Amino acid sequence: MSLNLLDTSNWLPLEGLAPGFDANKAPTVHDLAGQQFRVRGDGGPMTFSFDDEEVQWAAAGQAGTAPYEAFLVAGQLYYAQWHSVVEQDLAISLVLDLTNGTALYIGATLGKPTPSRVAVQHDFRPGTLDGFAAGAAIAESTGLIGRRVEWVYSESHAYEHIYLSPTWYTWQCLAGPERGLADTDSNTVFQVRPGIFVFTWREKVIPCGSVTIADHRDVNAIRSHGSLFGWDESGTQPVHFTFGAHGKLISMTHHRPELDPAL
């Protein structure tokens, strides 16, 4: 008997996706070790101090020390990710552009979903780095709208994303344990540099959210780095892991100007 894909109670919990999903994760780097960064923005000052294994931070009214992973996205552009040791409902992503002197803090808070609220809420705080010459600010973007991108996370995990509007995107599993599943979820996108985007999403069926950063400058060889954060099957324990993917643009939708969802 075939599985009823429309019955969302059959969908895998977040930890069911994890085995092997991180096969295409990029190697981590220790380039940030020994450095301290002070970020200024509308949300007030934030500080981040890195050693080889841990980051000490104070941001958005919270502070702590935790193990971290850092990835090199492009020249002098880094993505760091960690899960708070003390506040298990908090995961943090930090984008540092040392060339342009800009940063983006994203705090992911995990709560209980309701009919009007998804489980993960994202707090976005762009800013500038003290001691660095400031370039173009990191800001929300409509640059992905209309693109359909195929993403390969491992030899057995593949998805496609269709970026619909400033609020919505559609995903479909092409290979892996979720093959055949699809949904439309909320997203928020920031442009970090021309062609490099932070893409975040918040799922309503599986209680989880994600923060990714991807280099789309070569549409045939897109590279992403990201993390997933959500509840386990019991709804009592947080699940947090990092991953990576290789992507390519497979089509582009062009609307008439008066119907363009990006405008």
C-alpha atoms as a PDB file:
ATOM      1  CA  MET A   1       0.000   0.000   0.000  1.00  0.00           C
ATOM      2  CA  SER A   2       1.473   3.346  -1.026  1.00  0.00           C
ATOM      3  CA  LEU A   3       2.000   6.106   1.510  1.00  0.00           C
ATOM      4  CA  ASN A   4      -0.597   8.871   1.497  1.00  0.00           C
ATOM      5  CA  LEU A   5       1.612  11.902   0.926  1.00  0.00           C
ATOM      6  CA  LEU A   6      -1.271  14.242   1.727  1.00  0.00           C
ATOM      7  CA  ASP A   7      -1.438  12.920   5.293  1.00  0.00           C
ATOM      8  CA  THR A   8       1.099  15.124   7.029  1.00  0.00           C
ATOM      9  CA  SER A   9       1.108  12.829  10.072  1.00  0.00           C
ATOM     10  CA  ASN A  10       3.181  10.470   7.898  1.00  0.00           C
ATOM     11  CA  TRP A  11       5.900  13.076   7.309  1.00  0.00           C
ATOM     12  CA  LEU A  12       9.314  12.411   8.814  1.00  0.00           C
ATOM     13  CA  PRO A  13      10.358  14.284  11.960  1.00  0.00           C
ATOM     14  CA  LEU A  14      13.398  16.529  11.632  1.00  0.00           C
ATOM     15  CA  GLU A  15      15.790  13.953  13.086  1.00  0.00           C
ATOM     16  CA  GLY A  16      14.619  11.470  10.426  1.00  0.00           C
ATOM     17  CA  LEU A  17      16.123  13.698   7.767  1.00  0.00           C
ATOM     18  CA  ALA A  18      19.492  14.130   9.423  1.00  0.00           C
ATOM     19  CA  PRO A  19      21.358  10.854   8.653  1.00  0.00           C
ATOM     20  CA  GLY A  20      23.481  11.541   5.578  1.00  0.00           C
ATOM     21  CA  PHE A  21      21.802  14.881   4.846  1.00  0.00           C
ATOM     22  CA  ASP A  22      25.060  16.718   5.615  1.00  0.00           C
ATOM     23  CA  ALA A  23      27.207  14.785   3.113  1.00  0.00           C
ATOM     24  CA  ASN A  24      27.804  17.888   0.972  1.00  0.00           C
ATOM     25  CA  LYS A  25      28.619  20.145   3.906  1.00  0.00           C
ATOM     26  CA  ALA A  26      31.745  22.208   3.259  1.00  0.00           C
ATOM     27  CA  PRO A  27      34.785  21.840   5.526  1.00  0.00           C
ATOM     28  CA  THR A  28      34.699  24.130   8.532  1.00  0.00           C
ATOM     29  CA  VAL A  29      37.389  26.797   8.948  1.00  0.00           C
ATOM     30  CA  HIS A  30      39.126  28.357  11.961  1.00  0.00           C
ATOM     31  CA  ASP A  31      39.805  31.725  10.331  1.00  0.00           C
ATOM     32  CA  LEU A  32      37.780  33.584  12.972  1.00  0.00           C
ATOM     33  CA  ALA A  33      39.730  32.156  15.913  1.00  0.00           C
ATOM     34  CA  GLY A  34      41.484  34.789  18.008  1.00  0.00           C
ATOM     35  CA  GLN A  35      39.286  37.598  16.676  1.00  0.00           C
ATOM     36  CA  GLN A  36      36.640  39.720  18.353  1.00  0.00           C
ATOM     37  CA  PHE A  37      33.945  41.552  16.380  1.00  0.00           C
ATOM     38  CA  ARG A  38      31.748  44.394  17.520  1.00  0.00           C
ATOM     39  CA  VAL A  39      28.634  44.979  15.430  1.00  0.00           C
ATOM     40  CA  ARG A  40      26.611  48.180  15.453  1.00  0.00           C
ATOM     41  CA  GLY A  41      23.052  48.339  14.164  1.00  0.00           C
ATOM     42  CA  ASP A  42      19.500  49.420  14.912  1.00  0.00           C
ATOM     43  CA  GLY A  43      19.204  46.632  17.485  1.00  0.00           C
ATOM     44  CA  GLY A  44      22.103  47.980  19.549  1.00  0.00           C
ATOM     45  CA  PRO A  45      25.724  46.820  19.842  1.00  0.00           C
ATOM     46  CA  MET A  46      26.616  43.125  19.648  1.00  0.00           C
ATOM     47  CA  THR A  47      29.950  41.437  20.367  1.00  0.00           C
ATOM     48  CA  PHE A  48      31.356  38.097  19.213  1.00  0.00           C
ATOM     49  CA  SER A  49      34.694  36.644  20.333  1.00  0.00           C
ATOM     50  CA  PHE A  50      35.986  33.434  18.730  1.00  0.00           C
ATOM     51  CA  ASP A  51      38.633  30.918  19.709  1.00  0.00           C
ATOM     52  CA  ASP A  52      39.383  27.624  17.957  1.00  0.00           C
ATOM     53  CA  GLU A  53      36.282  25.883  19.298  1.00  0.00           C
ATOM     54  CA  GLU A  54      33.937  28.315  21.045  1.00  0.00           C
ATOM     55  CA  VAL A  55      32.308  31.695  20.527  1.00  0.00           C
ATOM     56  CA  GLN A  56      31.437  34.073  23.334  1.00  0.00           C
ATOM     57  CA  TRP A  57      28.662  36.435  22.355  1.00  0.00           C
ATOM     58  CA  ALA A  58      26.391  39.181  23.631  1.00  0.00           C
ATOM     59  CA  ALA A  59      23.546  40.119  21.298  1.00  0.00           C
ATOM     60  CA  ALA A  60      19.815  40.868  21.281  1.00  0.00           C
ATOM     61  CA  GLY A  61      19.618  40.822  25.072  1.00  0.00           C
ATOM     62  CA  GLN A  62      21.256  37.393  25.347  1.00  0.00           C
ATOM     63  CA  ALA A  63      24.789  36.194  26.008  1.00  0.00           C
ATOM     64  CA  GLY A  64      26.681  32.966  26.324  1.00  0.00           C
ATOM     65  CA  THR A  65      29.504  30.706  25.220  1.00  0.00           C
ATOM     66  CA  ALA A  66      29.017  27.759  22.875  1.00  0.00           C
ATOM     67  CA  PRO A  67      30.827  25.554  20.365  1.00  0.00           C
ATOM     68  CA  TYR A  68      30.489  26.909  16.827  1.00  0.00           C
ATOM     69  CA  GLU A  69      31.062  25.956  13.216  1.00  0.00           C
ATOM     70  CA  ALA A  70      32.311  28.473  10.646  1.00  0.00           C
ATOM     71  CA  PHE A  71      32.286  28.232   6.860  1.00  0.00           C
ATOM     72  CA  LEU A  72      34.063  30.306   4.219  1.00  0.00           C
ATOM     73  CA  VAL A  73      31.413  31.458   1.720  1.00  0.00           C
ATOM     74  CA  ALA A  74      33.618  33.651  -0.487  1.00  0.00           C
ATOM     75  CA  GLY A  75      36.738  35.758  -0.016  1.00  0.00           C
ATOM     76  CA  GLN A  76      36.605  37.237   3.518  1.00  0.00           C
ATOM     77  CA  LEU A  77      32.925  36.303   3.854  1.00  0.00           C
ATOM     78  CA  TYR A  78      32.035  33.889   6.669  1.00  0.00           C
ATOM     79  CA  TYR A  79      28.976  32.088   7.985  1.00  0.00           C
ATOM     80  CA  ALA A  80      29.093  30.954  11.630  1.00  0.00           C
ATOM     81  CA  GLN A  81      26.458  28.858  13.354  1.00  0.00           C
ATOM     82  CA  TRP A  82      25.903  27.668  16.937  1.00  0.00           C
ATOM     83  CA  HIS A  83      23.272  26.378  19.357  1.00  0.00           C
ATOM     84  CA  SER A  84      23.068  27.987  22.782  1.00  0.00           C
ATOM     85  CA  VAL A  85      24.226  25.652  25.548  1.00  0.00           C
ATOM     86  CA  VAL A  86      22.114  27.329  28.241  1.00  0.00           C
ATOM     87  CA  GLU A  87      19.011  28.364  26.258  1.00  0.00           C
ATOM     88  CA  GLN A  88      18.198  25.273  24.234  1.00  0.00           C
ATOM     89  CA  ASP A  89      15.434  27.092  22.369  1.00  0.00           C
ATOM     90  CA  LEU A  90      17.976  29.464  20.748  1.00  0.00           C
ATOM     91  CA  ALA A  91      20.238  28.940  17.730  1.00  0.00           C
ATOM     92  CA  ILE A  92      22.328  31.718  16.219  1.00  0.00           C
ATOM     93  CA  SER A  93      23.632  32.392  12.738  1.00  0.00           C
ATOM     94  CA  LEU A  94      26.176  35.122  12.052  1.00  0.00           C
ATOM     95  CA  VAL A  95      27.304  36.383   8.651  1.00  0.00           C
ATOM     96  CA  LEU A  96      30.534  38.415   8.687  1.00  0.00           C
ATOM     97  CA  ASP A  97      31.693  40.239   5.569  1.00  0.00           C
ATOM     98  CA  LEU A  98      35.185  41.437   6.436  1.00  0.00           C
ATOM     99  CA  THR A  99      35.651  43.052   3.013  1.00  0.00           C
ATOM    100  CA  ASN A 100      32.587  45.283   3.249  1.00  0.00           C
ATOM    101  CA  GLY A 101      32.560  45.682   7.038  1.00  0.00           C
ATOM    102  CA  THR A 102      29.018  44.363   7.374  1.00  0.00           C
ATOM    103  CA  ALA A 103      27.296  41.667   9.423  1.00  0.00           C
ATOM    104  CA  LEU A 104      23.953  39.956   9.819  1.00  0.00           C
ATOM    105  CA  TYR A 105      22.881  38.359  13.117  1.00  0.00           C
ATOM    106  CA  ILE A 106      19.961  35.911  12.963  1.00  0.00           C
ATOM    107  CA  GLY A 107      18.551  34.547  16.196  1.00  0.00           C
ATOM    108  CA  ALA A 108      16.272  31.524  15.743  1.00  0.00           C
ATOM    109  CA  THR A 109      13.898  30.952  18.650  1.00  0.00           C
ATOM    110  CA  LEU A 110      12.093  27.636  18.944  1.00  0.00           C
ATOM    111  CA  GLY A 111       8.606  27.648  20.428  1.00  0.00           C
ATOM    112  CA  LYS A 112       5.405  25.654  20.217  1.00  0.00           C
ATOM    113  CA  PRO A 113       3.545  26.068  16.928  1.00  0.00           C
ATOM    114  CA  THR A 114      -0.054  27.292  16.847  1.00  0.00           C
ATOM    115  CA  PRO A 115      -2.544  27.589  13.972  1.00  0.00           C
ATOM    116  CA  SER A 116      -1.339  31.169  13.418  1.00  0.00           C
ATOM    117  CA  ARG A 117       2.349  30.850  14.315  1.00  0.00           C
ATOM    118  CA  VAL A 118       5.128  28.551  13.117  1.00  0.00           C
ATOM    119  CA  ALA A 119       7.511  26.934  15.596  1.00  0.00           C
ATOM    120  CA  VAL A 120      10.648  28.899  14.661  1.00  0.00           C
ATOM    121  CA  GLN A 121      10.824  32.692  14.687  1.00  0.00           C
ATOM    122  CA  HIS A 122      13.791  34.544  13.197  1.00  0.00           C
ATOM    123  CA  ASP A 123      15.197  37.810  14.560  1.00  0.00           C
ATOM    124  CA  PHE A 124      17.202  39.621  11.855  1.00  0.00           C
ATOM    125  CA  ARG A 125      19.726  42.289  12.874  1.00  0.00           C
ATOM    126  CA  PRO A 126      21.981  43.686  10.135  1.00  0.00           C
ATOM    127  CA  GLY A 127      24.820  45.969  11.135  1.00  0.00           C
ATOM    128  CA  THR A 128      28.313  47.272  10.503  1.00  0.00           C
ATOM    129  CA  LEU A 129      31.610  46.057  11.930  1.00  0.00           C
ATOM    130  CA  ASP A 130      33.678  48.385  14.093  1.00  0.00           C
ATOM    131  CA  GLY A 131      37.161  48.905  12.688  1.00  0.00           C
ATOM    132  CA  PHE A 132      36.234  47.970   9.105  1.00  0.00           C
ATOM    133  CA  ALA A 133      35.439  50.250   6.192  1.00  0.00           C
ATOM    134  CA  ALA A 134      31.693  49.902   5.598  1.00  0.00           C
ATOM    135  CA  GLY A 135      30.416  48.897   2.160  1.00  0.00           C
ATOM    136  CA  ALA A 136      26.884  48.329   0.929  1.00  0.00           C
ATOM    137  CA  ALA A 137      24.557  47.370   3.777  1.00  0.00           C
ATOM    138  CA  ILE A 138      23.087  43.868   4.017  1.00  0.00           C
ATOM    139  CA  ALA A 139      19.386  44.322   3.273  1.00  0.00           C
ATOM    140  CA  GLU A 140      16.275  42.342   2.448  1.00  0.00           C
ATOM    141  CA  SER A 141      16.134  41.362  -1.208  1.00  0.00           C
ATOM    142  CA  THR A 142      13.761  40.174  -3.928  1.00  0.00           C
ATOM    143  CA  GLY A 143      16.688  38.916  -6.017  1.00  0.00           C
ATOM    144  CA  LEU A 144      15.725  35.222  -5.863  1.00  0.00           C
ATOM    145  CA  ILE A 145      12.112  35.653  -6.950  1.00  0.00           C
ATOM    146  CA  GLY A 146      11.289  33.734 -10.116  1.00  0.00           C
ATOM    147  CA  ARG A 147      14.182  31.291  -9.826  1.00  0.00           C
ATOM    148  CA  ARG A 148      13.749  27.522  -9.709  1.00  0.00           C
ATOM    149  CA  VAL A 149      16.852  25.884  -8.261  1.00  0.00           C
ATOM    150  CA  GLU A 150      17.766  22.231  -7.866  1.00  0.00           C
ATOM    151  CA  TRP A 151      19.676  21.448  -4.668  1.00  0.00           C
ATOM    152  CA  VAL A 152      21.707  18.279  -3.994  1.00  0.00           C
ATOM    153  CA  TYR A 153      22.575  17.658  -0.331  1.00  0.00           C
ATOM    154  CA  SER A 154      24.021  14.150  -0.718  1.00  0.00           C
ATOM    155  CA  GLU A 155      24.008  11.217  -3.123  1.00  0.00           C
ATOM    156  CA  SER A 156      20.514  10.390  -1.882  1.00  0.00           C
ATOM    157  CA  HIS A 157      19.011  13.780  -0.873  1.00  0.00           C
ATOM    158  CA  ALA A 158      17.819  16.325  -3.455  1.00  0.00           C
ATOM    159  CA  TYR A 159      15.187  19.067  -3.455  1.00  0.00           C
ATOM    160  CA  GLU A 160      14.038  21.913  -5.637  1.00  0.00           C
ATOM    161  CA  HIS A 161      13.103  25.405  -4.503  1.00  0.00           C
ATOM    162  CA  ILE A 162      10.825  27.785  -6.364  1.00  0.00           C
ATOM    163  CA  TYR A 163      11.135  31.329  -5.010  1.00  0.00           C
ATOM    164  CA  LEU A 164       7.687  32.876  -5.362  1.00  0.00           C
ATOM    165  CA  SER A 165       7.552  36.204  -3.538  1.00  0.00           C
ATOM    166  CA  PRO A 166       9.090  38.187  -0.672  1.00  0.00           C
ATOM    167  CA  THR A 167       7.026  35.997   1.688  1.00  0.00           C
ATOM    168  CA  TRP A 168       6.707  32.537   0.097  1.00  0.00           C
ATOM    169  CA  TYR A 169       8.676  29.755  -1.570  1.00  0.00           C
ATOM    170  CA  THR A 170       7.765  26.206  -2.623  1.00  0.00           C
ATOM    171  CA  TRP A 171       9.948  23.150  -2.025  1.00  0.00           C
ATOM    172  CA  GLN A 172       9.683  19.647  -3.425  1.00  0.00           C
ATOM    173  CA  CYS A 173      11.757  16.599  -2.456  1.00  0.00           C
ATOM    174  CA  LEU A 174      13.218  14.977  -5.582  1.00  0.00           C
ATOM    175  CA  ALA A 175      15.222  12.232  -3.834  1.00  0.00           C
ATOM    176  CA  GLY A 176      15.538  10.937  -0.291  1.00  0.00           C
ATOM    177  CA  PRO A 177      13.193   9.880   2.507  1.00  0.00           C
ATOM    178  CA  GLU A 178      10.822  12.787   1.756  1.00  0.00           C
ATOM    179  CA  ARG A 179      10.604  12.063  -1.983  1.00  0.00           C
ATOM    180  CA  GLY A 180       7.265  13.238  -3.344  1.00  0.00           C
ATOM    181  CA  LEU A 181       6.573  15.642  -0.492  1.00  0.00           C
ATOM    182  CA  ALA A 182       6.126  19.320  -1.251  1.00  0.00           C
ATOM    183  CA  ASP A 183       4.845  22.420   0.478  1.00  0.00           C
ATOM    184  CA  THR A 184       4.853  26.197   0.393  1.00  0.00           C
ATOM    185  CA  ASP A 185       6.393  27.933   3.416  1.00  0.00           C
ATOM    186  CA  SER A 186       7.364  31.411   4.540  1.00  0.00           C
ATOM    187  CA  ASN A 187      10.799  32.794   3.710  1.00  0.00           C
ATOM    188  CA  THR A 188      12.948  35.889   4.185  1.00  0.00           C
ATOM    189  CA  VAL A 189      15.873  36.762   1.911  1.00  0.00           C
ATOM    190  CA  PHE A 190      18.811  39.158   2.354  1.00  0.00           C
ATOM    191  CA  GLN A 191      21.459  40.105  -0.190  1.00  0.00           C
ATOM    192  CA  VAL A 192      24.935  40.043   1.366  1.00  0.00           C
ATOM    193  CA  ARG A 193      26.918  40.805  -1.787  1.00  0.00           C
ATOM    194  CA  PRO A 194      25.821  40.893  -5.428  1.00  0.00           C
ATOM    195  CA  GLY A 195      24.767  37.327  -6.215  1.00  0.00           C
ATOM    196  CA  ILE A 196      25.187  36.059  -2.630  1.00  0.00           C
ATOM    197  CA  PHE A 197      22.017  35.654  -0.588  1.00  0.00           C
ATOM    198  CA  VAL A 198      20.959  34.630   2.884  1.00  0.00           C
ATOM    199  CA  PHE A 199      17.808  32.542   2.473  1.00  0.00           C
ATOM    200  CA  THR A 200      15.773  31.608   5.538  1.00  0.00           C
ATOM    201  CA  TRP A 201      12.604  29.594   5.828  1.00  0.00           C
ATOM    202  CA  ARG A 202      10.119  28.500   8.480  1.00  0.00           C
ATOM    203  CA  GLU A 203       8.118  25.298   7.985  1.00  0.00           C
ATOM    204  CA  LYS A 204       4.551  24.868   9.217  1.00  0.00           C
ATOM    205  CA  VAL A 205       4.171  21.071   9.019  1.00  0.00           C
ATOM    206  CA  ILE A 206       7.509  19.989  10.483  1.00  0.00           C
ATOM    207  CA  PRO A 207       8.258  22.351  13.406  1.00  0.00           C
ATOM    208  CA  CYS A 208      11.591  23.685  12.157  1.00  0.00           C
ATOM    209  CA  GLY A 209      13.325  26.582  10.460  1.00  0.00           C
ATOM    210  CA  SER A 210      16.505  27.075   8.484  1.00  0.00           C
ATOM    211  CA  VAL A 211      19.144  29.704   7.798  1.00  0.00           C
ATOM    212  CA  THR A 212      21.269  29.311   4.672  1.00  0.00           C
ATOM    213  CA  ILE A 213      23.710  31.411   2.704  1.00  0.00           C
ATOM    214  CA  ALA A 214      24.329  30.666  -0.969  1.00  0.00           C
ATOM    215  CA  ASP A 215      26.606  31.957  -3.702  1.00  0.00           C
ATOM    216  CA  HIS A 216      24.461  32.214  -6.856  1.00  0.00           C
ATOM    217  CA  ARG A 217      27.018  34.057  -8.996  1.00  0.00           C
ATOM    218  CA  ASP A 218      27.558  30.984 -11.183  1.00  0.00           C
ATOM    219  CA  VAL A 219      24.026  29.687 -11.732  1.00  0.00           C
ATOM    220  CA  ASN A 220      25.374  26.301 -12.831  1.00  0.00           C
ATOM    221  CA  ALA A 221      27.510  25.833  -9.712  1.00  0.00           C
ATOM    222  CA  ILE A 222      25.648  27.365  -6.780  1.00  0.00           C
ATOM    223  CA  ARG A 223      27.052  26.578  -3.335  1.00  0.00           C
ATOM    224  CA  SER A 224      25.141  26.830  -0.080  1.00  0.00           C
ATOM    225  CA  HIS A 225      25.841  26.431   3.638  1.00  0.00           C
ATOM    226  CA  GLY A 226      23.114  26.176   6.240  1.00  0.00           C
ATOM    227  CA  SER A 227      21.547  24.866   9.404  1.00  0.00           C
ATOM    228  CA  LEU A 228      18.232  23.366  10.465  1.00  0.00           C
ATOM    229  CA  PHE A 229      16.695  23.901  13.890  1.00  0.00           C
ATOM    230  CA  GLY A 230      13.475  22.433  15.248  1.00  0.00           C
ATOM    231  CA  TRP A 231      11.735  19.949  17.512  1.00  0.00           C
ATOM    232  CA  ASP A 232      12.295  16.194  17.543  1.00  0.00           C
ATOM    233  CA  GLU A 233       9.415  13.786  16.982  1.00  0.00           C
ATOM    234  CA  SER A 234       8.337  14.010  20.624  1.00  0.00           C
ATOM    235  CA  GLY A 235       8.208  17.804  20.486  1.00  0.00           C
ATOM    236  CA  THR A 236      10.331  18.059  23.618  1.00  0.00           C
ATOM    237  CA  GLN A 237      13.975  18.089  22.467  1.00  0.00           C
ATOM    238  CA  PRO A 238      15.596  20.560  20.056  1.00  0.00           C
ATOM    239  CA  VAL A 239      17.341  19.208  16.954  1.00  0.00           C
ATOM    240  CA  HIS A 240      20.109  21.329  15.428  1.00  0.00           C
ATOM    241  CA  PHE A 241      22.532  20.429  12.628  1.00  0.00           C
ATOM    242  CA  THR A 242      24.449  22.039   9.774  1.00  0.00           C
ATOM    243  CA  PHE A 243      24.574  20.995   6.136  1.00  0.00           C
ATOM    244  CA  GLY A 244      25.596  22.122   2.669  1.00  0.00           C
ATOM    245  CA  ALA A 245      24.363  21.715  -0.887  1.00  0.00           C
ATOM    246  CA  HIS A 246      25.345  22.110  -4.528  1.00  0.00           C
ATOM    247  CA  GLY A 247      22.754  23.768  -6.722  1.00  0.00           C
ATOM    248  CA  LYS A 248      21.966  24.884 -10.238  1.00  0.00           C
ATOM    249  CA  LEU A 249      19.342  27.148 -11.778  1.00  0.00           C
ATOM    250  CA  ILE A 250      16.943  24.996 -13.806  1.00  0.00           C
ATOM    251  CA  SER A 251      14.455  27.667 -14.899  1.00  0.00           C
ATOM    252  CA  MET A 252      13.498  31.309 -14.484  1.00  0.00           C
ATOM    253  CA  THR A 253       9.994  32.762 -14.421  1.00  0.00           C
ATOM    254  CA  HIS A 254       9.424  36.232 -15.858  1.00  0.00           C
ATOM    255  CA  HIS A 255       6.145  37.973 -15.065  1.00  0.00           C
ATOM    256  CA  ARG A 256       4.621  40.950 -16.804  1.00  0.00           C
ATOM    257  CA  PRO A 257       5.610  44.064 -14.835  1.00  0.00           C
ATOM    258  CA  GLU A 258       2.096  44.661 -13.559  1.00  0.00           C
ATOM    259  CA  LEU A 259       1.941  41.095 -12.190  1.00  0.00           C
ATOM    260  CA  ASP A 260       5.497  40.782 -10.902  1.00  0.00           C
ATOM    261  CA  PRO A 261       5.402  39.610  -7.246  1.00  0.00           C
ATOM    262  CA  ALA A 262       8.817  41.201  -6.671  1.00  0.00           C
ATOM    263  CA  LEU A 263       7.447  44.703  -7.284  1.00  0.00           C
END
